[in-house]
PDB file of N, CA and C in Angstrom:
ATOM      1  N   MET A   1      37.452  10.861 -29.849  1.00  0.00           N
ATOM      2  CA  MET A   1      36.703   9.622 -29.754  1.00  0.00           C
ATOM      3  C   MET A   1      36.488   9.212 -28.297  1.00  0.00           C
ATOM      4  N   LYS A   2      37.538   9.330 -27.466  1.00  0.00           N
ATOM      5  CA  LYS A   2      37.417   8.961 -26.062  1.00  0.00           C
ATOM      6  C   LYS A   2      36.444   9.890 -25.337  1.00  0.00           C
ATOM      7  N   LYS A   3      36.466  11.185 -25.693  1.00  0.00           N
ATOM      8  CA  LYS A   3      35.560  12.135 -25.063  1.00  0.00           C
ATOM      9  C   LYS A   3      34.109  11.826 -25.430  1.00  0.00           C
ATOM     10  N   THR A   4      33.878  11.409 -26.657  1.00  0.00           N
ATOM     11  CA  THR A   4      32.529  11.071 -27.101  1.00  0.00           C
ATOM     12  C   THR A   4      32.021   9.842 -26.354  1.00  0.00           C
ATOM     13  N   LEU A   5      32.866   8.825 -26.208  1.00  0.00           N
ATOM     14  CA  LEU A   5      32.472   7.629 -25.465  1.00  0.00           C
ATOM     15  C   LEU A   5      32.223   7.947 -23.995  1.00  0.00           C
ATOM     16  N   LEU A   6      33.069   8.809 -23.429  1.00  0.00           N
ATOM     17  CA  LEU A   6      32.889   9.206 -22.042  1.00  0.00           C
ATOM     18  C   LEU A   6      31.571   9.961 -21.856  1.00  0.00           C
ATOM     19  N   ALA A   7      31.281  10.892 -22.760  1.00  0.00           N
ATOM     20  CA  ALA A   7      30.033  11.655 -22.687  1.00  0.00           C
ATOM     21  C   ALA A   7      28.831  10.730 -22.846  1.00  0.00           C
ATOM     22  N   ALA A   8      28.919   9.789 -23.777  1.00  0.00           N
ATOM     23  CA  ALA A   8      27.826   8.841 -23.980  1.00  0.00           C
ATOM     24  C   ALA A   8      27.631   7.964 -22.746  1.00  0.00           C
ATOM     25  N   GLY A   9      28.725   7.551 -22.130  1.00  0.00           N
ATOM     26  CA  GLY A   9      28.641   6.742 -20.912  1.00  0.00           C
ATOM     27  C   GLY A   9      28.011   7.512 -19.765  1.00  0.00           C
ATOM     28  N   ILE A  10      28.375   8.765 -19.639  1.00  0.00           N
ATOM     29  CA  ILE A  10      27.803   9.604 -18.579  1.00  0.00           C
ATOM     30  C   ILE A  10      26.304   9.800 -18.809  1.00  0.00           C
ATOM     31  N   LEU A  11      25.918  10.073 -20.049  1.00  0.00           N
ATOM     32  CA  LEU A  11      24.495  10.235 -20.360  1.00  0.00           C
ATOM     33  C   LEU A  11      23.714   8.947 -20.100  1.00  0.00           C
ATOM     34  N   LEU A  12      24.284   7.835 -20.480  1.00  0.00           N
ATOM     35  CA  LEU A  12      23.628   6.556 -20.254  1.00  0.00           C
ATOM     36  C   LEU A  12      23.463   6.286 -18.763  1.00  0.00           C
ATOM     37  N   ALA A  13      24.483   6.580 -17.990  1.00  0.00           N
ATOM     38  CA  ALA A  13      24.397   6.401 -16.537  1.00  0.00           C
ATOM     39  C   ALA A  13      23.352   7.330 -15.934  1.00  0.00           C
ATOM     40  N   LEU A  14      23.290   8.568 -16.424  1.00  0.00           N
ATOM     41  CA  LEU A  14      22.298   9.524 -15.931  1.00  0.00           C
ATOM     42  C   LEU A  14      20.879   9.033 -16.214  1.00  0.00           C
ATOM     43  N   PHE A  15      20.628   8.564 -17.428  1.00  0.00           N
ATOM     44  CA  PHE A  15      19.306   8.037 -17.773  1.00  0.00           C
ATOM     45  C   PHE A  15      18.967   6.804 -16.940  1.00  0.00           C
ATOM     46  N   ALA A  16      19.943   5.965 -16.692  1.00  0.00           N
ATOM     47  CA  ALA A  16      19.704   4.770 -15.870  1.00  0.00           C
ATOM     48  C   ALA A  16      19.316   5.154 -14.450  1.00  0.00           C
ATOM     49  N   VAL A  17      19.998   6.144 -13.878  1.00  0.00           N
ATOM     50  CA  VAL A  17      19.689   6.596 -12.522  1.00  0.00           C
ATOM     51  C   VAL A  17      18.291   7.210 -12.487  1.00  0.00           C
ATOM     52  N   LEU A  18      17.966   8.062 -13.467  1.00  0.00           N
ATOM     53  CA  LEU A  18      16.638   8.679 -13.508  1.00  0.00           C
ATOM     54  C   LEU A  18      15.549   7.624 -13.659  1.00  0.00           C
ATOM     55  N   TRP A  19      15.762   6.627 -14.483  1.00  0.00           N
ATOM     56  CA  TRP A  19      14.781   5.555 -14.653  1.00  0.00           C
ATOM     57  C   TRP A  19      14.608   4.772 -13.356  1.00  0.00           C
ATOM     58  N   LEU A  20      15.718   4.469 -12.696  1.00  0.00           N
ATOM     59  CA  LEU A  20      15.656   3.710 -11.454  1.00  0.00           C
ATOM     60  C   LEU A  20      14.930   4.484 -10.363  1.00  0.00           C
ATOM     61  N   VAL A  21      15.179   5.782 -10.256  1.00  0.00           N
ATOM     62  CA  VAL A  21      14.497   6.603  -9.264  1.00  0.00           C
ATOM     63  C   VAL A  21      12.999   6.631  -9.559  1.00  0.00           C
ATOM     64  N   GLY A  22      12.630   6.796 -10.800  1.00  0.00           N
ATOM     65  CA  GLY A  22      11.215   6.790 -11.177  1.00  0.00           C
ATOM     66  C   GLY A  22      10.567   5.442 -10.943  1.00  0.00           C
ATOM     67  N   PHE A  23      11.293   4.385 -11.143  1.00  0.00           N
ATOM     68  CA  PHE A  23      10.767   3.032 -10.954  1.00  0.00           C
ATOM     69  C   PHE A  23      10.561   2.708  -9.480  1.00  0.00           C
ATOM     70  N   LEU A  24      11.455   3.174  -8.627  1.00  0.00           N
ATOM     71  CA  LEU A  24      11.399   2.818  -7.217  1.00  0.00           C
ATOM     72  C   LEU A  24      10.423   3.663  -6.405  1.00  0.00           C
ATOM     73  N   THR A  25      10.096   4.868  -6.866  1.00  0.00           N
ATOM     74  CA  THR A  25       9.143   5.677  -6.126  1.00  0.00           C
ATOM     75  C   THR A  25       7.742   5.213  -6.450  1.00  0.00           C
ATOM     76  N   ASP A  26       6.870   5.247  -5.469  1.00  0.00           N
ATOM     77  CA  ASP A  26       5.546   4.683  -5.684  1.00  0.00           C
ATOM     78  C   ASP A  26       4.571   5.668  -6.306  1.00  0.00           C
ATOM     79  N   GLY A  27       4.939   6.945  -6.473  1.00  0.00           N
ATOM     80  CA  GLY A  27       4.105   7.884  -7.190  1.00  0.00           C
ATOM     81  C   GLY A  27       2.782   8.194  -6.502  1.00  0.00           C
ATOM     82  N   GLY A  28       2.649   7.918  -5.267  1.00  0.00           N
ATOM     83  CA  GLY A  28       1.423   8.184  -4.536  1.00  0.00           C
ATOM     84  C   GLY A  28       1.420   7.378  -3.256  1.00  0.00           C
ATOM     85  N   THR A  29       0.482   7.713  -2.411  1.00  0.00           N
ATOM     86  CA  THR A  29       0.400   7.012  -1.142  1.00  0.00           C
ATOM     87  C   THR A  29      -0.078   5.587  -1.349  1.00  0.00           C
ATOM     88  N   VAL A  30       0.557   4.688  -0.659  1.00  0.00           N
ATOM     89  CA  VAL A  30       0.229   3.272  -0.785  1.00  0.00           C
ATOM     90  C   VAL A  30      -0.478   2.804   0.476  1.00  0.00           C
ATOM     91  N   VAL A  31      -1.510   1.999   0.279  1.00  0.00           N
ATOM     92  CA  VAL A  31      -2.186   1.325   1.382  1.00  0.00           C
ATOM     93  C   VAL A  31      -1.571  -0.061   1.476  1.00  0.00           C
ATOM     94  N   ARG A  32      -1.129  -0.432   2.667  1.00  0.00           N
ATOM     95  CA  ARG A  32      -0.552  -1.755   2.885  1.00  0.00           C
ATOM     96  C   ARG A  32      -1.446  -2.530   3.841  1.00  0.00           C
ATOM     97  N   VAL A  33      -1.752  -3.754   3.464  1.00  0.00           N
ATOM     98  CA  VAL A  33      -2.583  -4.612   4.298  1.00  0.00           C
ATOM     99  C   VAL A  33      -1.722  -5.777   4.763  1.00  0.00           C
ATOM    100  N   TYR A  34      -1.699  -5.996   6.069  1.00  0.00           N
ATOM    101  CA  TYR A  34      -0.919  -7.077   6.661  1.00  0.00           C
ATOM    102  C   TYR A  34      -1.855  -8.088   7.300  1.00  0.00           C
ATOM    103  N   LEU A  35      -1.522  -9.351   7.144  1.00  0.00           N
ATOM    104  CA  LEU A  35      -2.246 -10.437   7.792  1.00  0.00           C
ATOM    105  C   LEU A  35      -1.218 -11.272   8.547  1.00  0.00           C
ATOM    106  N   ASP A  36      -1.427 -11.459   9.823  1.00  0.00           N
ATOM    107  CA  ASP A  36      -0.485 -12.192  10.679  1.00  0.00           C
ATOM    108  C   ASP A  36       0.922 -11.612  10.612  1.00  0.00           C
ATOM    109  N   GLY A  37       1.034 -10.290  10.446  1.00  0.00           N
ATOM    110  CA  GLY A  37       2.324  -9.621  10.419  1.00  0.00           C
ATOM    111  C   GLY A  37       3.029  -9.644   9.078  1.00  0.00           C
ATOM    112  N   ALA A  38       2.478 -10.348   8.097  1.00  0.00           N
ATOM    113  CA  ALA A  38       3.085 -10.430   6.764  1.00  0.00           C
ATOM    114  C   ALA A  38       2.288  -9.574   5.781  1.00  0.00           C
ATOM    115  N   LEU A  39       2.993  -8.938   4.855  1.00  0.00           N
ATOM    116  CA  LEU A  39       2.324  -8.120   3.849  1.00  0.00           C
ATOM    117  C   LEU A  39       1.380  -8.983   3.021  1.00  0.00           C
ATOM    118  N   TYR A  40       0.117  -8.609   2.981  1.00  0.00           N
ATOM    119  CA  TYR A  40      -0.915  -9.383   2.280  1.00  0.00           C
ATOM    120  C   TYR A  40      -1.251  -8.747   0.937  1.00  0.00           C
ATOM    121  N   ALA A  41      -1.364  -7.392   0.912  1.00  0.00           N
ATOM    122  CA  ALA A  41      -1.717  -6.690  -0.329  1.00  0.00           C
ATOM    123  C   ALA A  41      -1.306  -5.233  -0.230  1.00  0.00           C
ATOM    124  N   THR A  42      -1.122  -4.613  -1.391  1.00  0.00           N
ATOM    125  CA  THR A  42      -0.885  -3.178  -1.469  1.00  0.00           C
ATOM    126  C   THR A  42      -1.791  -2.608  -2.549  1.00  0.00           C
ATOM    127  N   ALA A  43      -2.116  -1.334  -2.403  1.00  0.00           N
ATOM    128  CA  ALA A  43      -2.922  -0.638  -3.408  1.00  0.00           C
ATOM    129  C   ALA A  43      -2.651   0.847  -3.288  1.00  0.00           C
ATOM    130  N   LYS A  44      -2.868   1.570  -4.363  1.00  0.00           N
ATOM    131  CA  LYS A  44      -2.705   3.018  -4.348  1.00  0.00           C
ATOM    132  C   LYS A  44      -3.937   3.651  -3.720  1.00  0.00           C
ATOM    133  N   LEU A  45      -3.721   4.649  -2.896  1.00  0.00           N
ATOM    134  CA  LEU A  45      -4.814   5.327  -2.217  1.00  0.00           C
ATOM    135  C   LEU A  45      -5.650   6.159  -3.186  1.00  0.00           C
ATOM    136  N   ASP A  46      -5.066   6.537  -4.313  1.00  0.00           N
ATOM    137  CA  ASP A  46      -5.799   7.380  -5.257  1.00  0.00           C
ATOM    138  C   ASP A  46      -6.578   6.589  -6.312  1.00  0.00           C
ATOM    139  N   LYS A  47      -6.617   5.256  -6.183  1.00  0.00           N
ATOM    140  CA  LYS A  47      -7.366   4.428  -7.132  1.00  0.00           C
ATOM    141  C   LYS A  47      -8.365   3.568  -6.364  1.00  0.00           C
ATOM    142  N   PRO A  48      -9.646   3.645  -6.722  1.00  0.00           N
ATOM    143  CA  PRO A  48     -10.646   2.843  -6.020  1.00  0.00           C
ATOM    144  C   PRO A  48     -10.329   1.346  -6.092  1.00  0.00           C
ATOM    145  N   ALA A  49     -10.517   0.671  -4.967  1.00  0.00           N
ATOM    146  CA  ALA A  49     -10.243  -0.768  -4.911  1.00  0.00           C
ATOM    147  C   ALA A  49     -10.960  -1.384  -3.726  1.00  0.00           C
ATOM    148  N   VAL A  50     -11.154  -2.685  -3.806  1.00  0.00           N
ATOM    149  CA  VAL A  50     -11.665  -3.466  -2.687  1.00  0.00           C
ATOM    150  C   VAL A  50     -10.695  -4.620  -2.483  1.00  0.00           C
ATOM    151  N   ILE A  51     -10.166  -4.737  -1.281  1.00  0.00           N
ATOM    152  CA  ILE A  51      -9.239  -5.815  -0.957  1.00  0.00           C
ATOM    153  C   ILE A  51      -9.945  -6.772  -0.009  1.00  0.00           C
ATOM    154  N   ARG A  52     -10.105  -7.995  -0.463  1.00  0.00           N
ATOM    155  CA  ARG A  52     -10.731  -9.038   0.363  1.00  0.00           C
ATOM    156  C   ARG A  52      -9.619  -9.821   1.055  1.00  0.00           C
ATOM    157  N   ILE A  53      -9.642  -9.835   2.370  1.00  0.00           N
ATOM    158  CA  ILE A  53      -8.618 -10.543   3.134  1.00  0.00           C
ATOM    159  C   ILE A  53      -9.223 -11.869   3.577  1.00  0.00           C
ATOM    160  N   GLU A  54      -8.617 -12.941   3.086  1.00  0.00           N
ATOM    161  CA  GLU A  54      -9.138 -14.278   3.368  1.00  0.00           C
ATOM    162  C   GLU A  54      -8.055 -15.158   3.971  1.00  0.00           C
ATOM    163  N   ARG A  55      -8.495 -16.093   4.791  1.00  0.00           N
ATOM    164  CA  ARG A  55      -7.598 -17.125   5.320  1.00  0.00           C
ATOM    165  C   ARG A  55      -8.324 -18.457   5.162  1.00  0.00           C
ATOM    166  N   ASP A  56      -7.686 -19.386   4.483  1.00  0.00           N
ATOM    167  CA  ASP A  56      -8.262 -20.713   4.239  1.00  0.00           C
ATOM    168  C   ASP A  56      -9.642 -20.621   3.603  1.00  0.00           C
ATOM    169  N   GLY A  57      -9.805 -19.666   2.678  1.00  0.00           N
ATOM    170  CA  GLY A  57     -11.069 -19.522   1.959  1.00  0.00           C
ATOM    171  C   GLY A  57     -12.169 -18.822   2.729  1.00  0.00           C
ATOM    172  N   VAL A  58     -11.873 -18.354   3.934  1.00  0.00           N
ATOM    173  CA  VAL A  58     -12.870 -17.663   4.755  1.00  0.00           C
ATOM    174  C   VAL A  58     -12.578 -16.161   4.735  1.00  0.00           C
ATOM    175  N   LEU A  59     -13.604 -15.354   4.418  1.00  0.00           N
ATOM    176  CA  LEU A  59     -13.436 -13.907   4.401  1.00  0.00           C
ATOM    177  C   LEU A  59     -13.280 -13.376   5.824  1.00  0.00           C
ATOM    178  N   LEU A  60     -12.161 -12.695   6.067  1.00  0.00           N
ATOM    179  CA  LEU A  60     -11.920 -12.090   7.377  1.00  0.00           C
ATOM    180  C   LEU A  60     -12.346 -10.626   7.396  1.00  0.00           C
ATOM    181  N   ASN A  61     -11.805  -9.866   6.458  1.00  0.00           N
ATOM    182  CA  ASN A  61     -12.076  -8.435   6.379  1.00  0.00           C
ATOM    183  C   ASN A  61     -12.159  -8.025   4.916  1.00  0.00           C
ATOM    184  N   GLU A  62     -12.832  -6.900   4.707  1.00  0.00           N
ATOM    185  CA  GLU A  62     -12.899  -6.305   3.376  1.00  0.00           C
ATOM    186  C   GLU A  62     -12.513  -4.841   3.519  1.00  0.00           C
ATOM    187  N   VAL A  63     -11.433  -4.444   2.837  1.00  0.00           N
ATOM    188  CA  VAL A  63     -10.934  -3.074   2.900  1.00  0.00           C
ATOM    189  C   VAL A  63     -11.360  -2.353   1.627  1.00  0.00           C
ATOM    190  N   VAL A  64     -11.919  -1.168   1.790  1.00  0.00           N
ATOM    191  CA  VAL A  64     -12.361  -0.363   0.655  1.00  0.00           C
ATOM    192  C   VAL A  64     -11.472   0.868   0.557  1.00  0.00           C
ATOM    193  N   ILE A  65     -11.047   1.170  -0.672  1.00  0.00           N
ATOM    194  CA  ILE A  65     -10.269   2.375  -0.938  1.00  0.00           C
ATOM    195  C   ILE A  65     -11.091   3.211  -1.917  1.00  0.00           C
ATOM    196  N   GLU A  66     -11.444   4.418  -1.495  1.00  0.00           N
ATOM    197  CA  GLU A  66     -12.211   5.327  -2.356  1.00  0.00           C
ATOM    198  C   GLU A  66     -12.062   6.753  -1.852  1.00  0.00           C
ATOM    199  N   ASN A  67     -12.097   7.695  -2.775  1.00  0.00           N
ATOM    200  CA  ASN A  67     -12.028   9.117  -2.441  1.00  0.00           C
ATOM    201  C   ASN A  67     -10.825   9.461  -1.558  1.00  0.00           C
ATOM    202  N   GLY A  68      -9.691   8.799  -1.794  1.00  0.00           N
ATOM    203  CA  GLY A  68      -8.472   9.099  -1.035  1.00  0.00           C
ATOM    204  C   GLY A  68      -8.485   8.604   0.399  1.00  0.00           C
ATOM    205  N   LYS A  69      -9.382   7.664   0.696  1.00  0.00           N
ATOM    206  CA  LYS A  69      -9.469   7.113   2.046  1.00  0.00           C
ATOM    207  C   LYS A  69      -9.550   5.601   1.978  1.00  0.00           C
ATOM    208  N   ALA A  70      -9.113   4.949   3.049  1.00  0.00           N
ATOM    209  CA  ALA A  70      -9.216   3.494   3.159  1.00  0.00           C
ATOM    210  C   ALA A  70      -9.910   3.170   4.473  1.00  0.00           C
ATOM    211  N   TYR A  71     -10.818   2.207   4.418  1.00  0.00           N
ATOM    212  CA  TYR A  71     -11.523   1.808   5.628  1.00  0.00           C
ATOM    213  C   TYR A  71     -11.924   0.341   5.531  1.00  0.00           C
ATOM    214  N   VAL A  72     -12.235  -0.256   6.664  1.00  0.00           N
ATOM    215  CA  VAL A  72     -12.687  -1.638   6.705  1.00  0.00           C
ATOM    216  C   VAL A  72     -14.213  -1.618   6.617  1.00  0.00           C
ATOM    217  N   ARG A  73     -14.738  -2.234   5.574  1.00  0.00           N
ATOM    218  CA  ARG A  73     -16.191  -2.264   5.365  1.00  0.00           C
ATOM    219  C   ARG A  73     -16.849  -3.425   6.111  1.00  0.00           C
ATOM    220  N   THR A  74     -16.212  -4.598   6.080  1.00  0.00           N
ATOM    221  CA  THR A  74     -16.780  -5.759   6.758  1.00  0.00           C
ATOM    222  C   THR A  74     -15.688  -6.494   7.518  1.00  0.00           C
ATOM    223  N   ALA A  75     -16.106  -7.166   8.576  1.00  0.00           N
ATOM    224  CA  ALA A  75     -15.179  -7.961   9.382  1.00  0.00           C
ATOM    225  C   ALA A  75     -15.940  -9.131   9.983  1.00  0.00           C
ATOM    226  N   SER A  76     -15.248 -10.254  10.105  1.00  0.00           N
ATOM    227  CA  SER A  76     -15.866 -11.448  10.682  1.00  0.00           C
ATOM    228  C   SER A  76     -15.724 -11.504  12.206  1.00  0.00           C
ATOM    229  N   CYS A  77     -15.017 -10.543  12.773  1.00  0.00           N
ATOM    230  CA  CYS A  77     -14.789 -10.548  14.221  1.00  0.00           C
ATOM    231  C   CYS A  77     -16.047 -10.092  14.968  1.00  0.00           C
ATOM    232  N   PRO A  78     -16.182 -10.495  16.221  1.00  0.00           N
ATOM    233  CA  PRO A  78     -17.402 -10.165  16.962  1.00  0.00           C
ATOM    234  C   PRO A  78     -17.525  -8.702  17.393  1.00  0.00           C
ATOM    235  N   ASP A  79     -16.400  -8.019  17.637  1.00  0.00           N
ATOM    236  CA  ASP A  79     -16.510  -6.670  18.204  1.00  0.00           C
ATOM    237  C   ASP A  79     -16.705  -5.557  17.169  1.00  0.00           C
ATOM    238  N   GLN A  80     -16.288  -5.762  15.921  1.00  0.00           N
ATOM    239  CA  GLN A  80     -16.480  -4.806  14.817  1.00  0.00           C
ATOM    240  C   GLN A  80     -15.810  -3.443  15.056  1.00  0.00           C
ATOM    241  N   ILE A  81     -14.796  -3.397  15.910  1.00  0.00           N
ATOM    242  CA  ILE A  81     -14.110  -2.131  16.171  1.00  0.00           C
ATOM    243  C   ILE A  81     -13.468  -1.583  14.898  1.00  0.00           C
ATOM    244  N   CYS A  82     -12.867  -2.439  14.101  1.00  0.00           N
ATOM    245  CA  CYS A  82     -12.204  -1.992  12.875  1.00  0.00           C
ATOM    246  C   CYS A  82     -13.199  -1.384  11.891  1.00  0.00           C
ATOM    247  N   VAL A  83     -14.410  -1.899  11.850  1.00  0.00           N
ATOM    248  CA  VAL A  83     -15.440  -1.378  10.951  1.00  0.00           C
ATOM    249  C   VAL A  83     -15.851   0.028  11.381  1.00  0.00           C
ATOM    250  N   HIS A  84     -15.830   0.297  12.673  1.00  0.00           N
ATOM    251  CA  HIS A  84     -16.241   1.599  13.188  1.00  0.00           C
ATOM    252  C   HIS A  84     -15.086   2.588  13.330  1.00  0.00           C
ATOM    253  N   THR A  85     -13.864   2.163  12.986  1.00  0.00           N
ATOM    254  CA  THR A  85     -12.698   3.051  13.027  1.00  0.00           C
ATOM    255  C   THR A  85     -12.773   4.028  11.854  1.00  0.00           C
ATOM    256  N   ALA A  86     -12.399   5.267  12.095  1.00  0.00           N
ATOM    257  CA  ALA A  86     -12.426   6.294  11.051  1.00  0.00           C
ATOM    258  C   ALA A  86     -11.516   5.904   9.889  1.00  0.00           C
ATOM    259  N   PRO A  87     -11.899   6.282   8.658  1.00  0.00           N
ATOM    260  CA  PRO A  87     -11.045   5.998   7.495  1.00  0.00           C
ATOM    261  C   PRO A  87      -9.668   6.646   7.643  1.00  0.00           C
ATOM    262  N   ILE A  88      -8.672   6.016   7.040  1.00  0.00           N
ATOM    263  CA  ILE A  88      -7.315   6.554   7.062  1.00  0.00           C
ATOM    264  C   ILE A  88      -7.029   7.217   5.721  1.00  0.00           C
ATOM    265  N   THR A  89      -6.120   8.191   5.728  1.00  0.00           N
ATOM    266  CA  THR A  89      -5.810   8.980   4.539  1.00  0.00           C
ATOM    267  C   THR A  89      -4.308   8.970   4.272  1.00  0.00           C
ATOM    268  N   ALA A  90      -3.897   9.804   3.325  1.00  0.00           N
ATOM    269  CA  ALA A  90      -2.480   9.910   2.973  1.00  0.00           C
ATOM    270  C   ALA A  90      -1.645  10.464   4.119  1.00  0.00           C
ATOM    271  N   ASP A  91      -2.281  11.100   5.091  1.00  0.00           N
ATOM    272  CA  ASP A  91      -1.555  11.657   6.234  1.00  0.00           C
ATOM    273  C   ASP A  91      -1.008  10.578   7.150  1.00  0.00           C
ATOM    274  N   GLY A  92      -1.389   9.342   6.892  1.00  0.00           N
ATOM    275  CA  GLY A  92      -0.935   8.234   7.720  1.00  0.00           C
ATOM    276  C   GLY A  92      -2.061   7.730   8.594  1.00  0.00           C
ATOM    277  N   GLY A  93      -1.784   6.682   9.278  1.00  0.00           N
ATOM    278  CA  GLY A  93      -2.763   6.099  10.161  1.00  0.00           C
ATOM    279  C   GLY A  93      -2.869   4.610   9.944  1.00  0.00           C
ATOM    280  N   SER A  94      -3.708   3.990  10.751  1.00  0.00           N
ATOM    281  CA  SER A  94      -3.891   2.554  10.610  1.00  0.00           C
ATOM    282  C   SER A  94      -5.261   2.155  11.145  1.00  0.00           C
ATOM    283  N   VAL A  95      -5.748   1.049  10.631  1.00  0.00           N
ATOM    284  CA  VAL A  95      -6.953   0.402  11.130  1.00  0.00           C
ATOM    285  C   VAL A  95      -6.524  -1.005  11.500  1.00  0.00           C
ATOM    286  N   ILE A  96      -6.864  -1.429  12.698  1.00  0.00           N
ATOM    287  CA  ILE A  96      -6.401  -2.725  13.185  1.00  0.00           C
ATOM    288  C   ILE A  96      -7.597  -3.586  13.581  1.00  0.00           C
ATOM    289  N   CYS A  97      -7.584  -4.824  13.088  1.00  0.00           N
ATOM    290  CA  CYS A  97      -8.564  -5.819  13.508  1.00  0.00           C
ATOM    291  C   CYS A  97      -7.790  -6.858  14.307  1.00  0.00           C
ATOM    292  N   LEU A  98      -7.805  -6.697  15.602  1.00  0.00           N
ATOM    293  CA  LEU A  98      -7.000  -7.561  16.465  1.00  0.00           C
ATOM    294  C   LEU A  98      -7.432  -9.028  16.420  1.00  0.00           C
ATOM    295  N   PRO A  99      -8.732  -9.339  16.481  1.00  0.00           N
ATOM    296  CA  PRO A  99      -9.115 -10.754  16.454  1.00  0.00           C
ATOM    297  C   PRO A  99      -8.673 -11.479  15.172  1.00  0.00           C
ATOM    298  N   ASN A 100      -8.723 -10.769  14.024  1.00  0.00           N
ATOM    299  CA  ASN A 100      -8.333 -11.389  12.758  1.00  0.00           C
ATOM    300  C   ASN A 100      -6.859 -11.186  12.419  1.00  0.00           C
ATOM    301  N   ARG A 101      -6.148 -10.432  13.255  1.00  0.00           N
ATOM    302  CA  ARG A 101      -4.732 -10.129  13.056  1.00  0.00           C
ATOM    303  C   ARG A 101      -4.484  -9.451  11.708  1.00  0.00           C
ATOM    304  N   VAL A 102      -5.314  -8.429  11.418  1.00  0.00           N
ATOM    305  CA  VAL A 102      -5.221  -7.655  10.189  1.00  0.00           C
ATOM    306  C   VAL A 102      -4.873  -6.212  10.536  1.00  0.00           C
ATOM    307  N   VAL A 103      -3.916  -5.638   9.805  1.00  0.00           N
ATOM    308  CA  VAL A 103      -3.526  -4.240   9.969  1.00  0.00           C
ATOM    309  C   VAL A 103      -3.559  -3.586   8.600  1.00  0.00           C
ATOM    310  N   VAL A 104      -4.185  -2.406   8.528  1.00  0.00           N
ATOM    311  CA  VAL A 104      -4.233  -1.603   7.299  1.00  0.00           C
ATOM    312  C   VAL A 104      -3.528  -0.297   7.613  1.00  0.00           C
ATOM    313  N   LYS A 105      -2.497   0.056   6.801  1.00  0.00           N
ATOM    314  CA  LYS A 105      -1.692   1.249   7.056  1.00  0.00           C
ATOM    315  C   LYS A 105      -1.543   2.078   5.796  1.00  0.00           C
ATOM    316  N   THR A 106      -1.367   3.382   5.982  1.00  0.00           N
ATOM    317  CA  THR A 106      -1.020   4.275   4.874  1.00  0.00           C
ATOM    318  C   THR A 106       0.221   5.051   5.245  1.00  0.00           C
ATOM    319  N   GLY A 107       0.873   5.596   4.207  1.00  0.00           N
ATOM    320  CA  GLY A 107       2.007   6.465   4.403  1.00  0.00           C
ATOM    321  C   GLY A 107       3.227   5.755   4.953  1.00  0.00           C
ATOM    322  N   GLY A 108       4.341   6.474   4.931  1.00  0.00           N
ATOM    323  CA  GLY A 108       5.576   5.998   5.547  1.00  0.00           C
ATOM    324  C   GLY A 108       6.108   4.683   5.046  1.00  0.00           C
ATOM    325  N   ALA A 109       7.117   4.216   5.729  1.00  0.00           N
ATOM    326  CA  ALA A 109       7.768   2.956   5.374  1.00  0.00           C
ATOM    327  C   ALA A 109       6.905   1.776   5.842  1.00  0.00           C
ATOM    328  N   PRO A 110       7.116   0.636   5.228  1.00  0.00           N
ATOM    329  CA  PRO A 110       6.302  -0.540   5.600  1.00  0.00           C
ATOM    330  C   PRO A 110       6.505  -0.970   7.036  1.00  0.00           C
TER     331      PRO A 110
END
């Protein structure tokens, strides 16, 4: 009886660990968008999405995720450097809009 309970406990612990590992891994590259240094939004790089970054109801930037790439489509800043920056991929990288204090990153730790 004790051996059966011990075996059941070990199996239960094993399943719990496997579930936790599966739950904590993101299963794909994540795009992280920061506004003023704080995490604003996240999205999977392998799923099409549009992230609108707003402050006080005003659109600052619009980030598009498609075909495994993320890029800034529109920006309210005067220089438009972020709009002309090459798209970022799962290999890592970032797009920065300095006037709006927006950073878009892929890969790695936050």
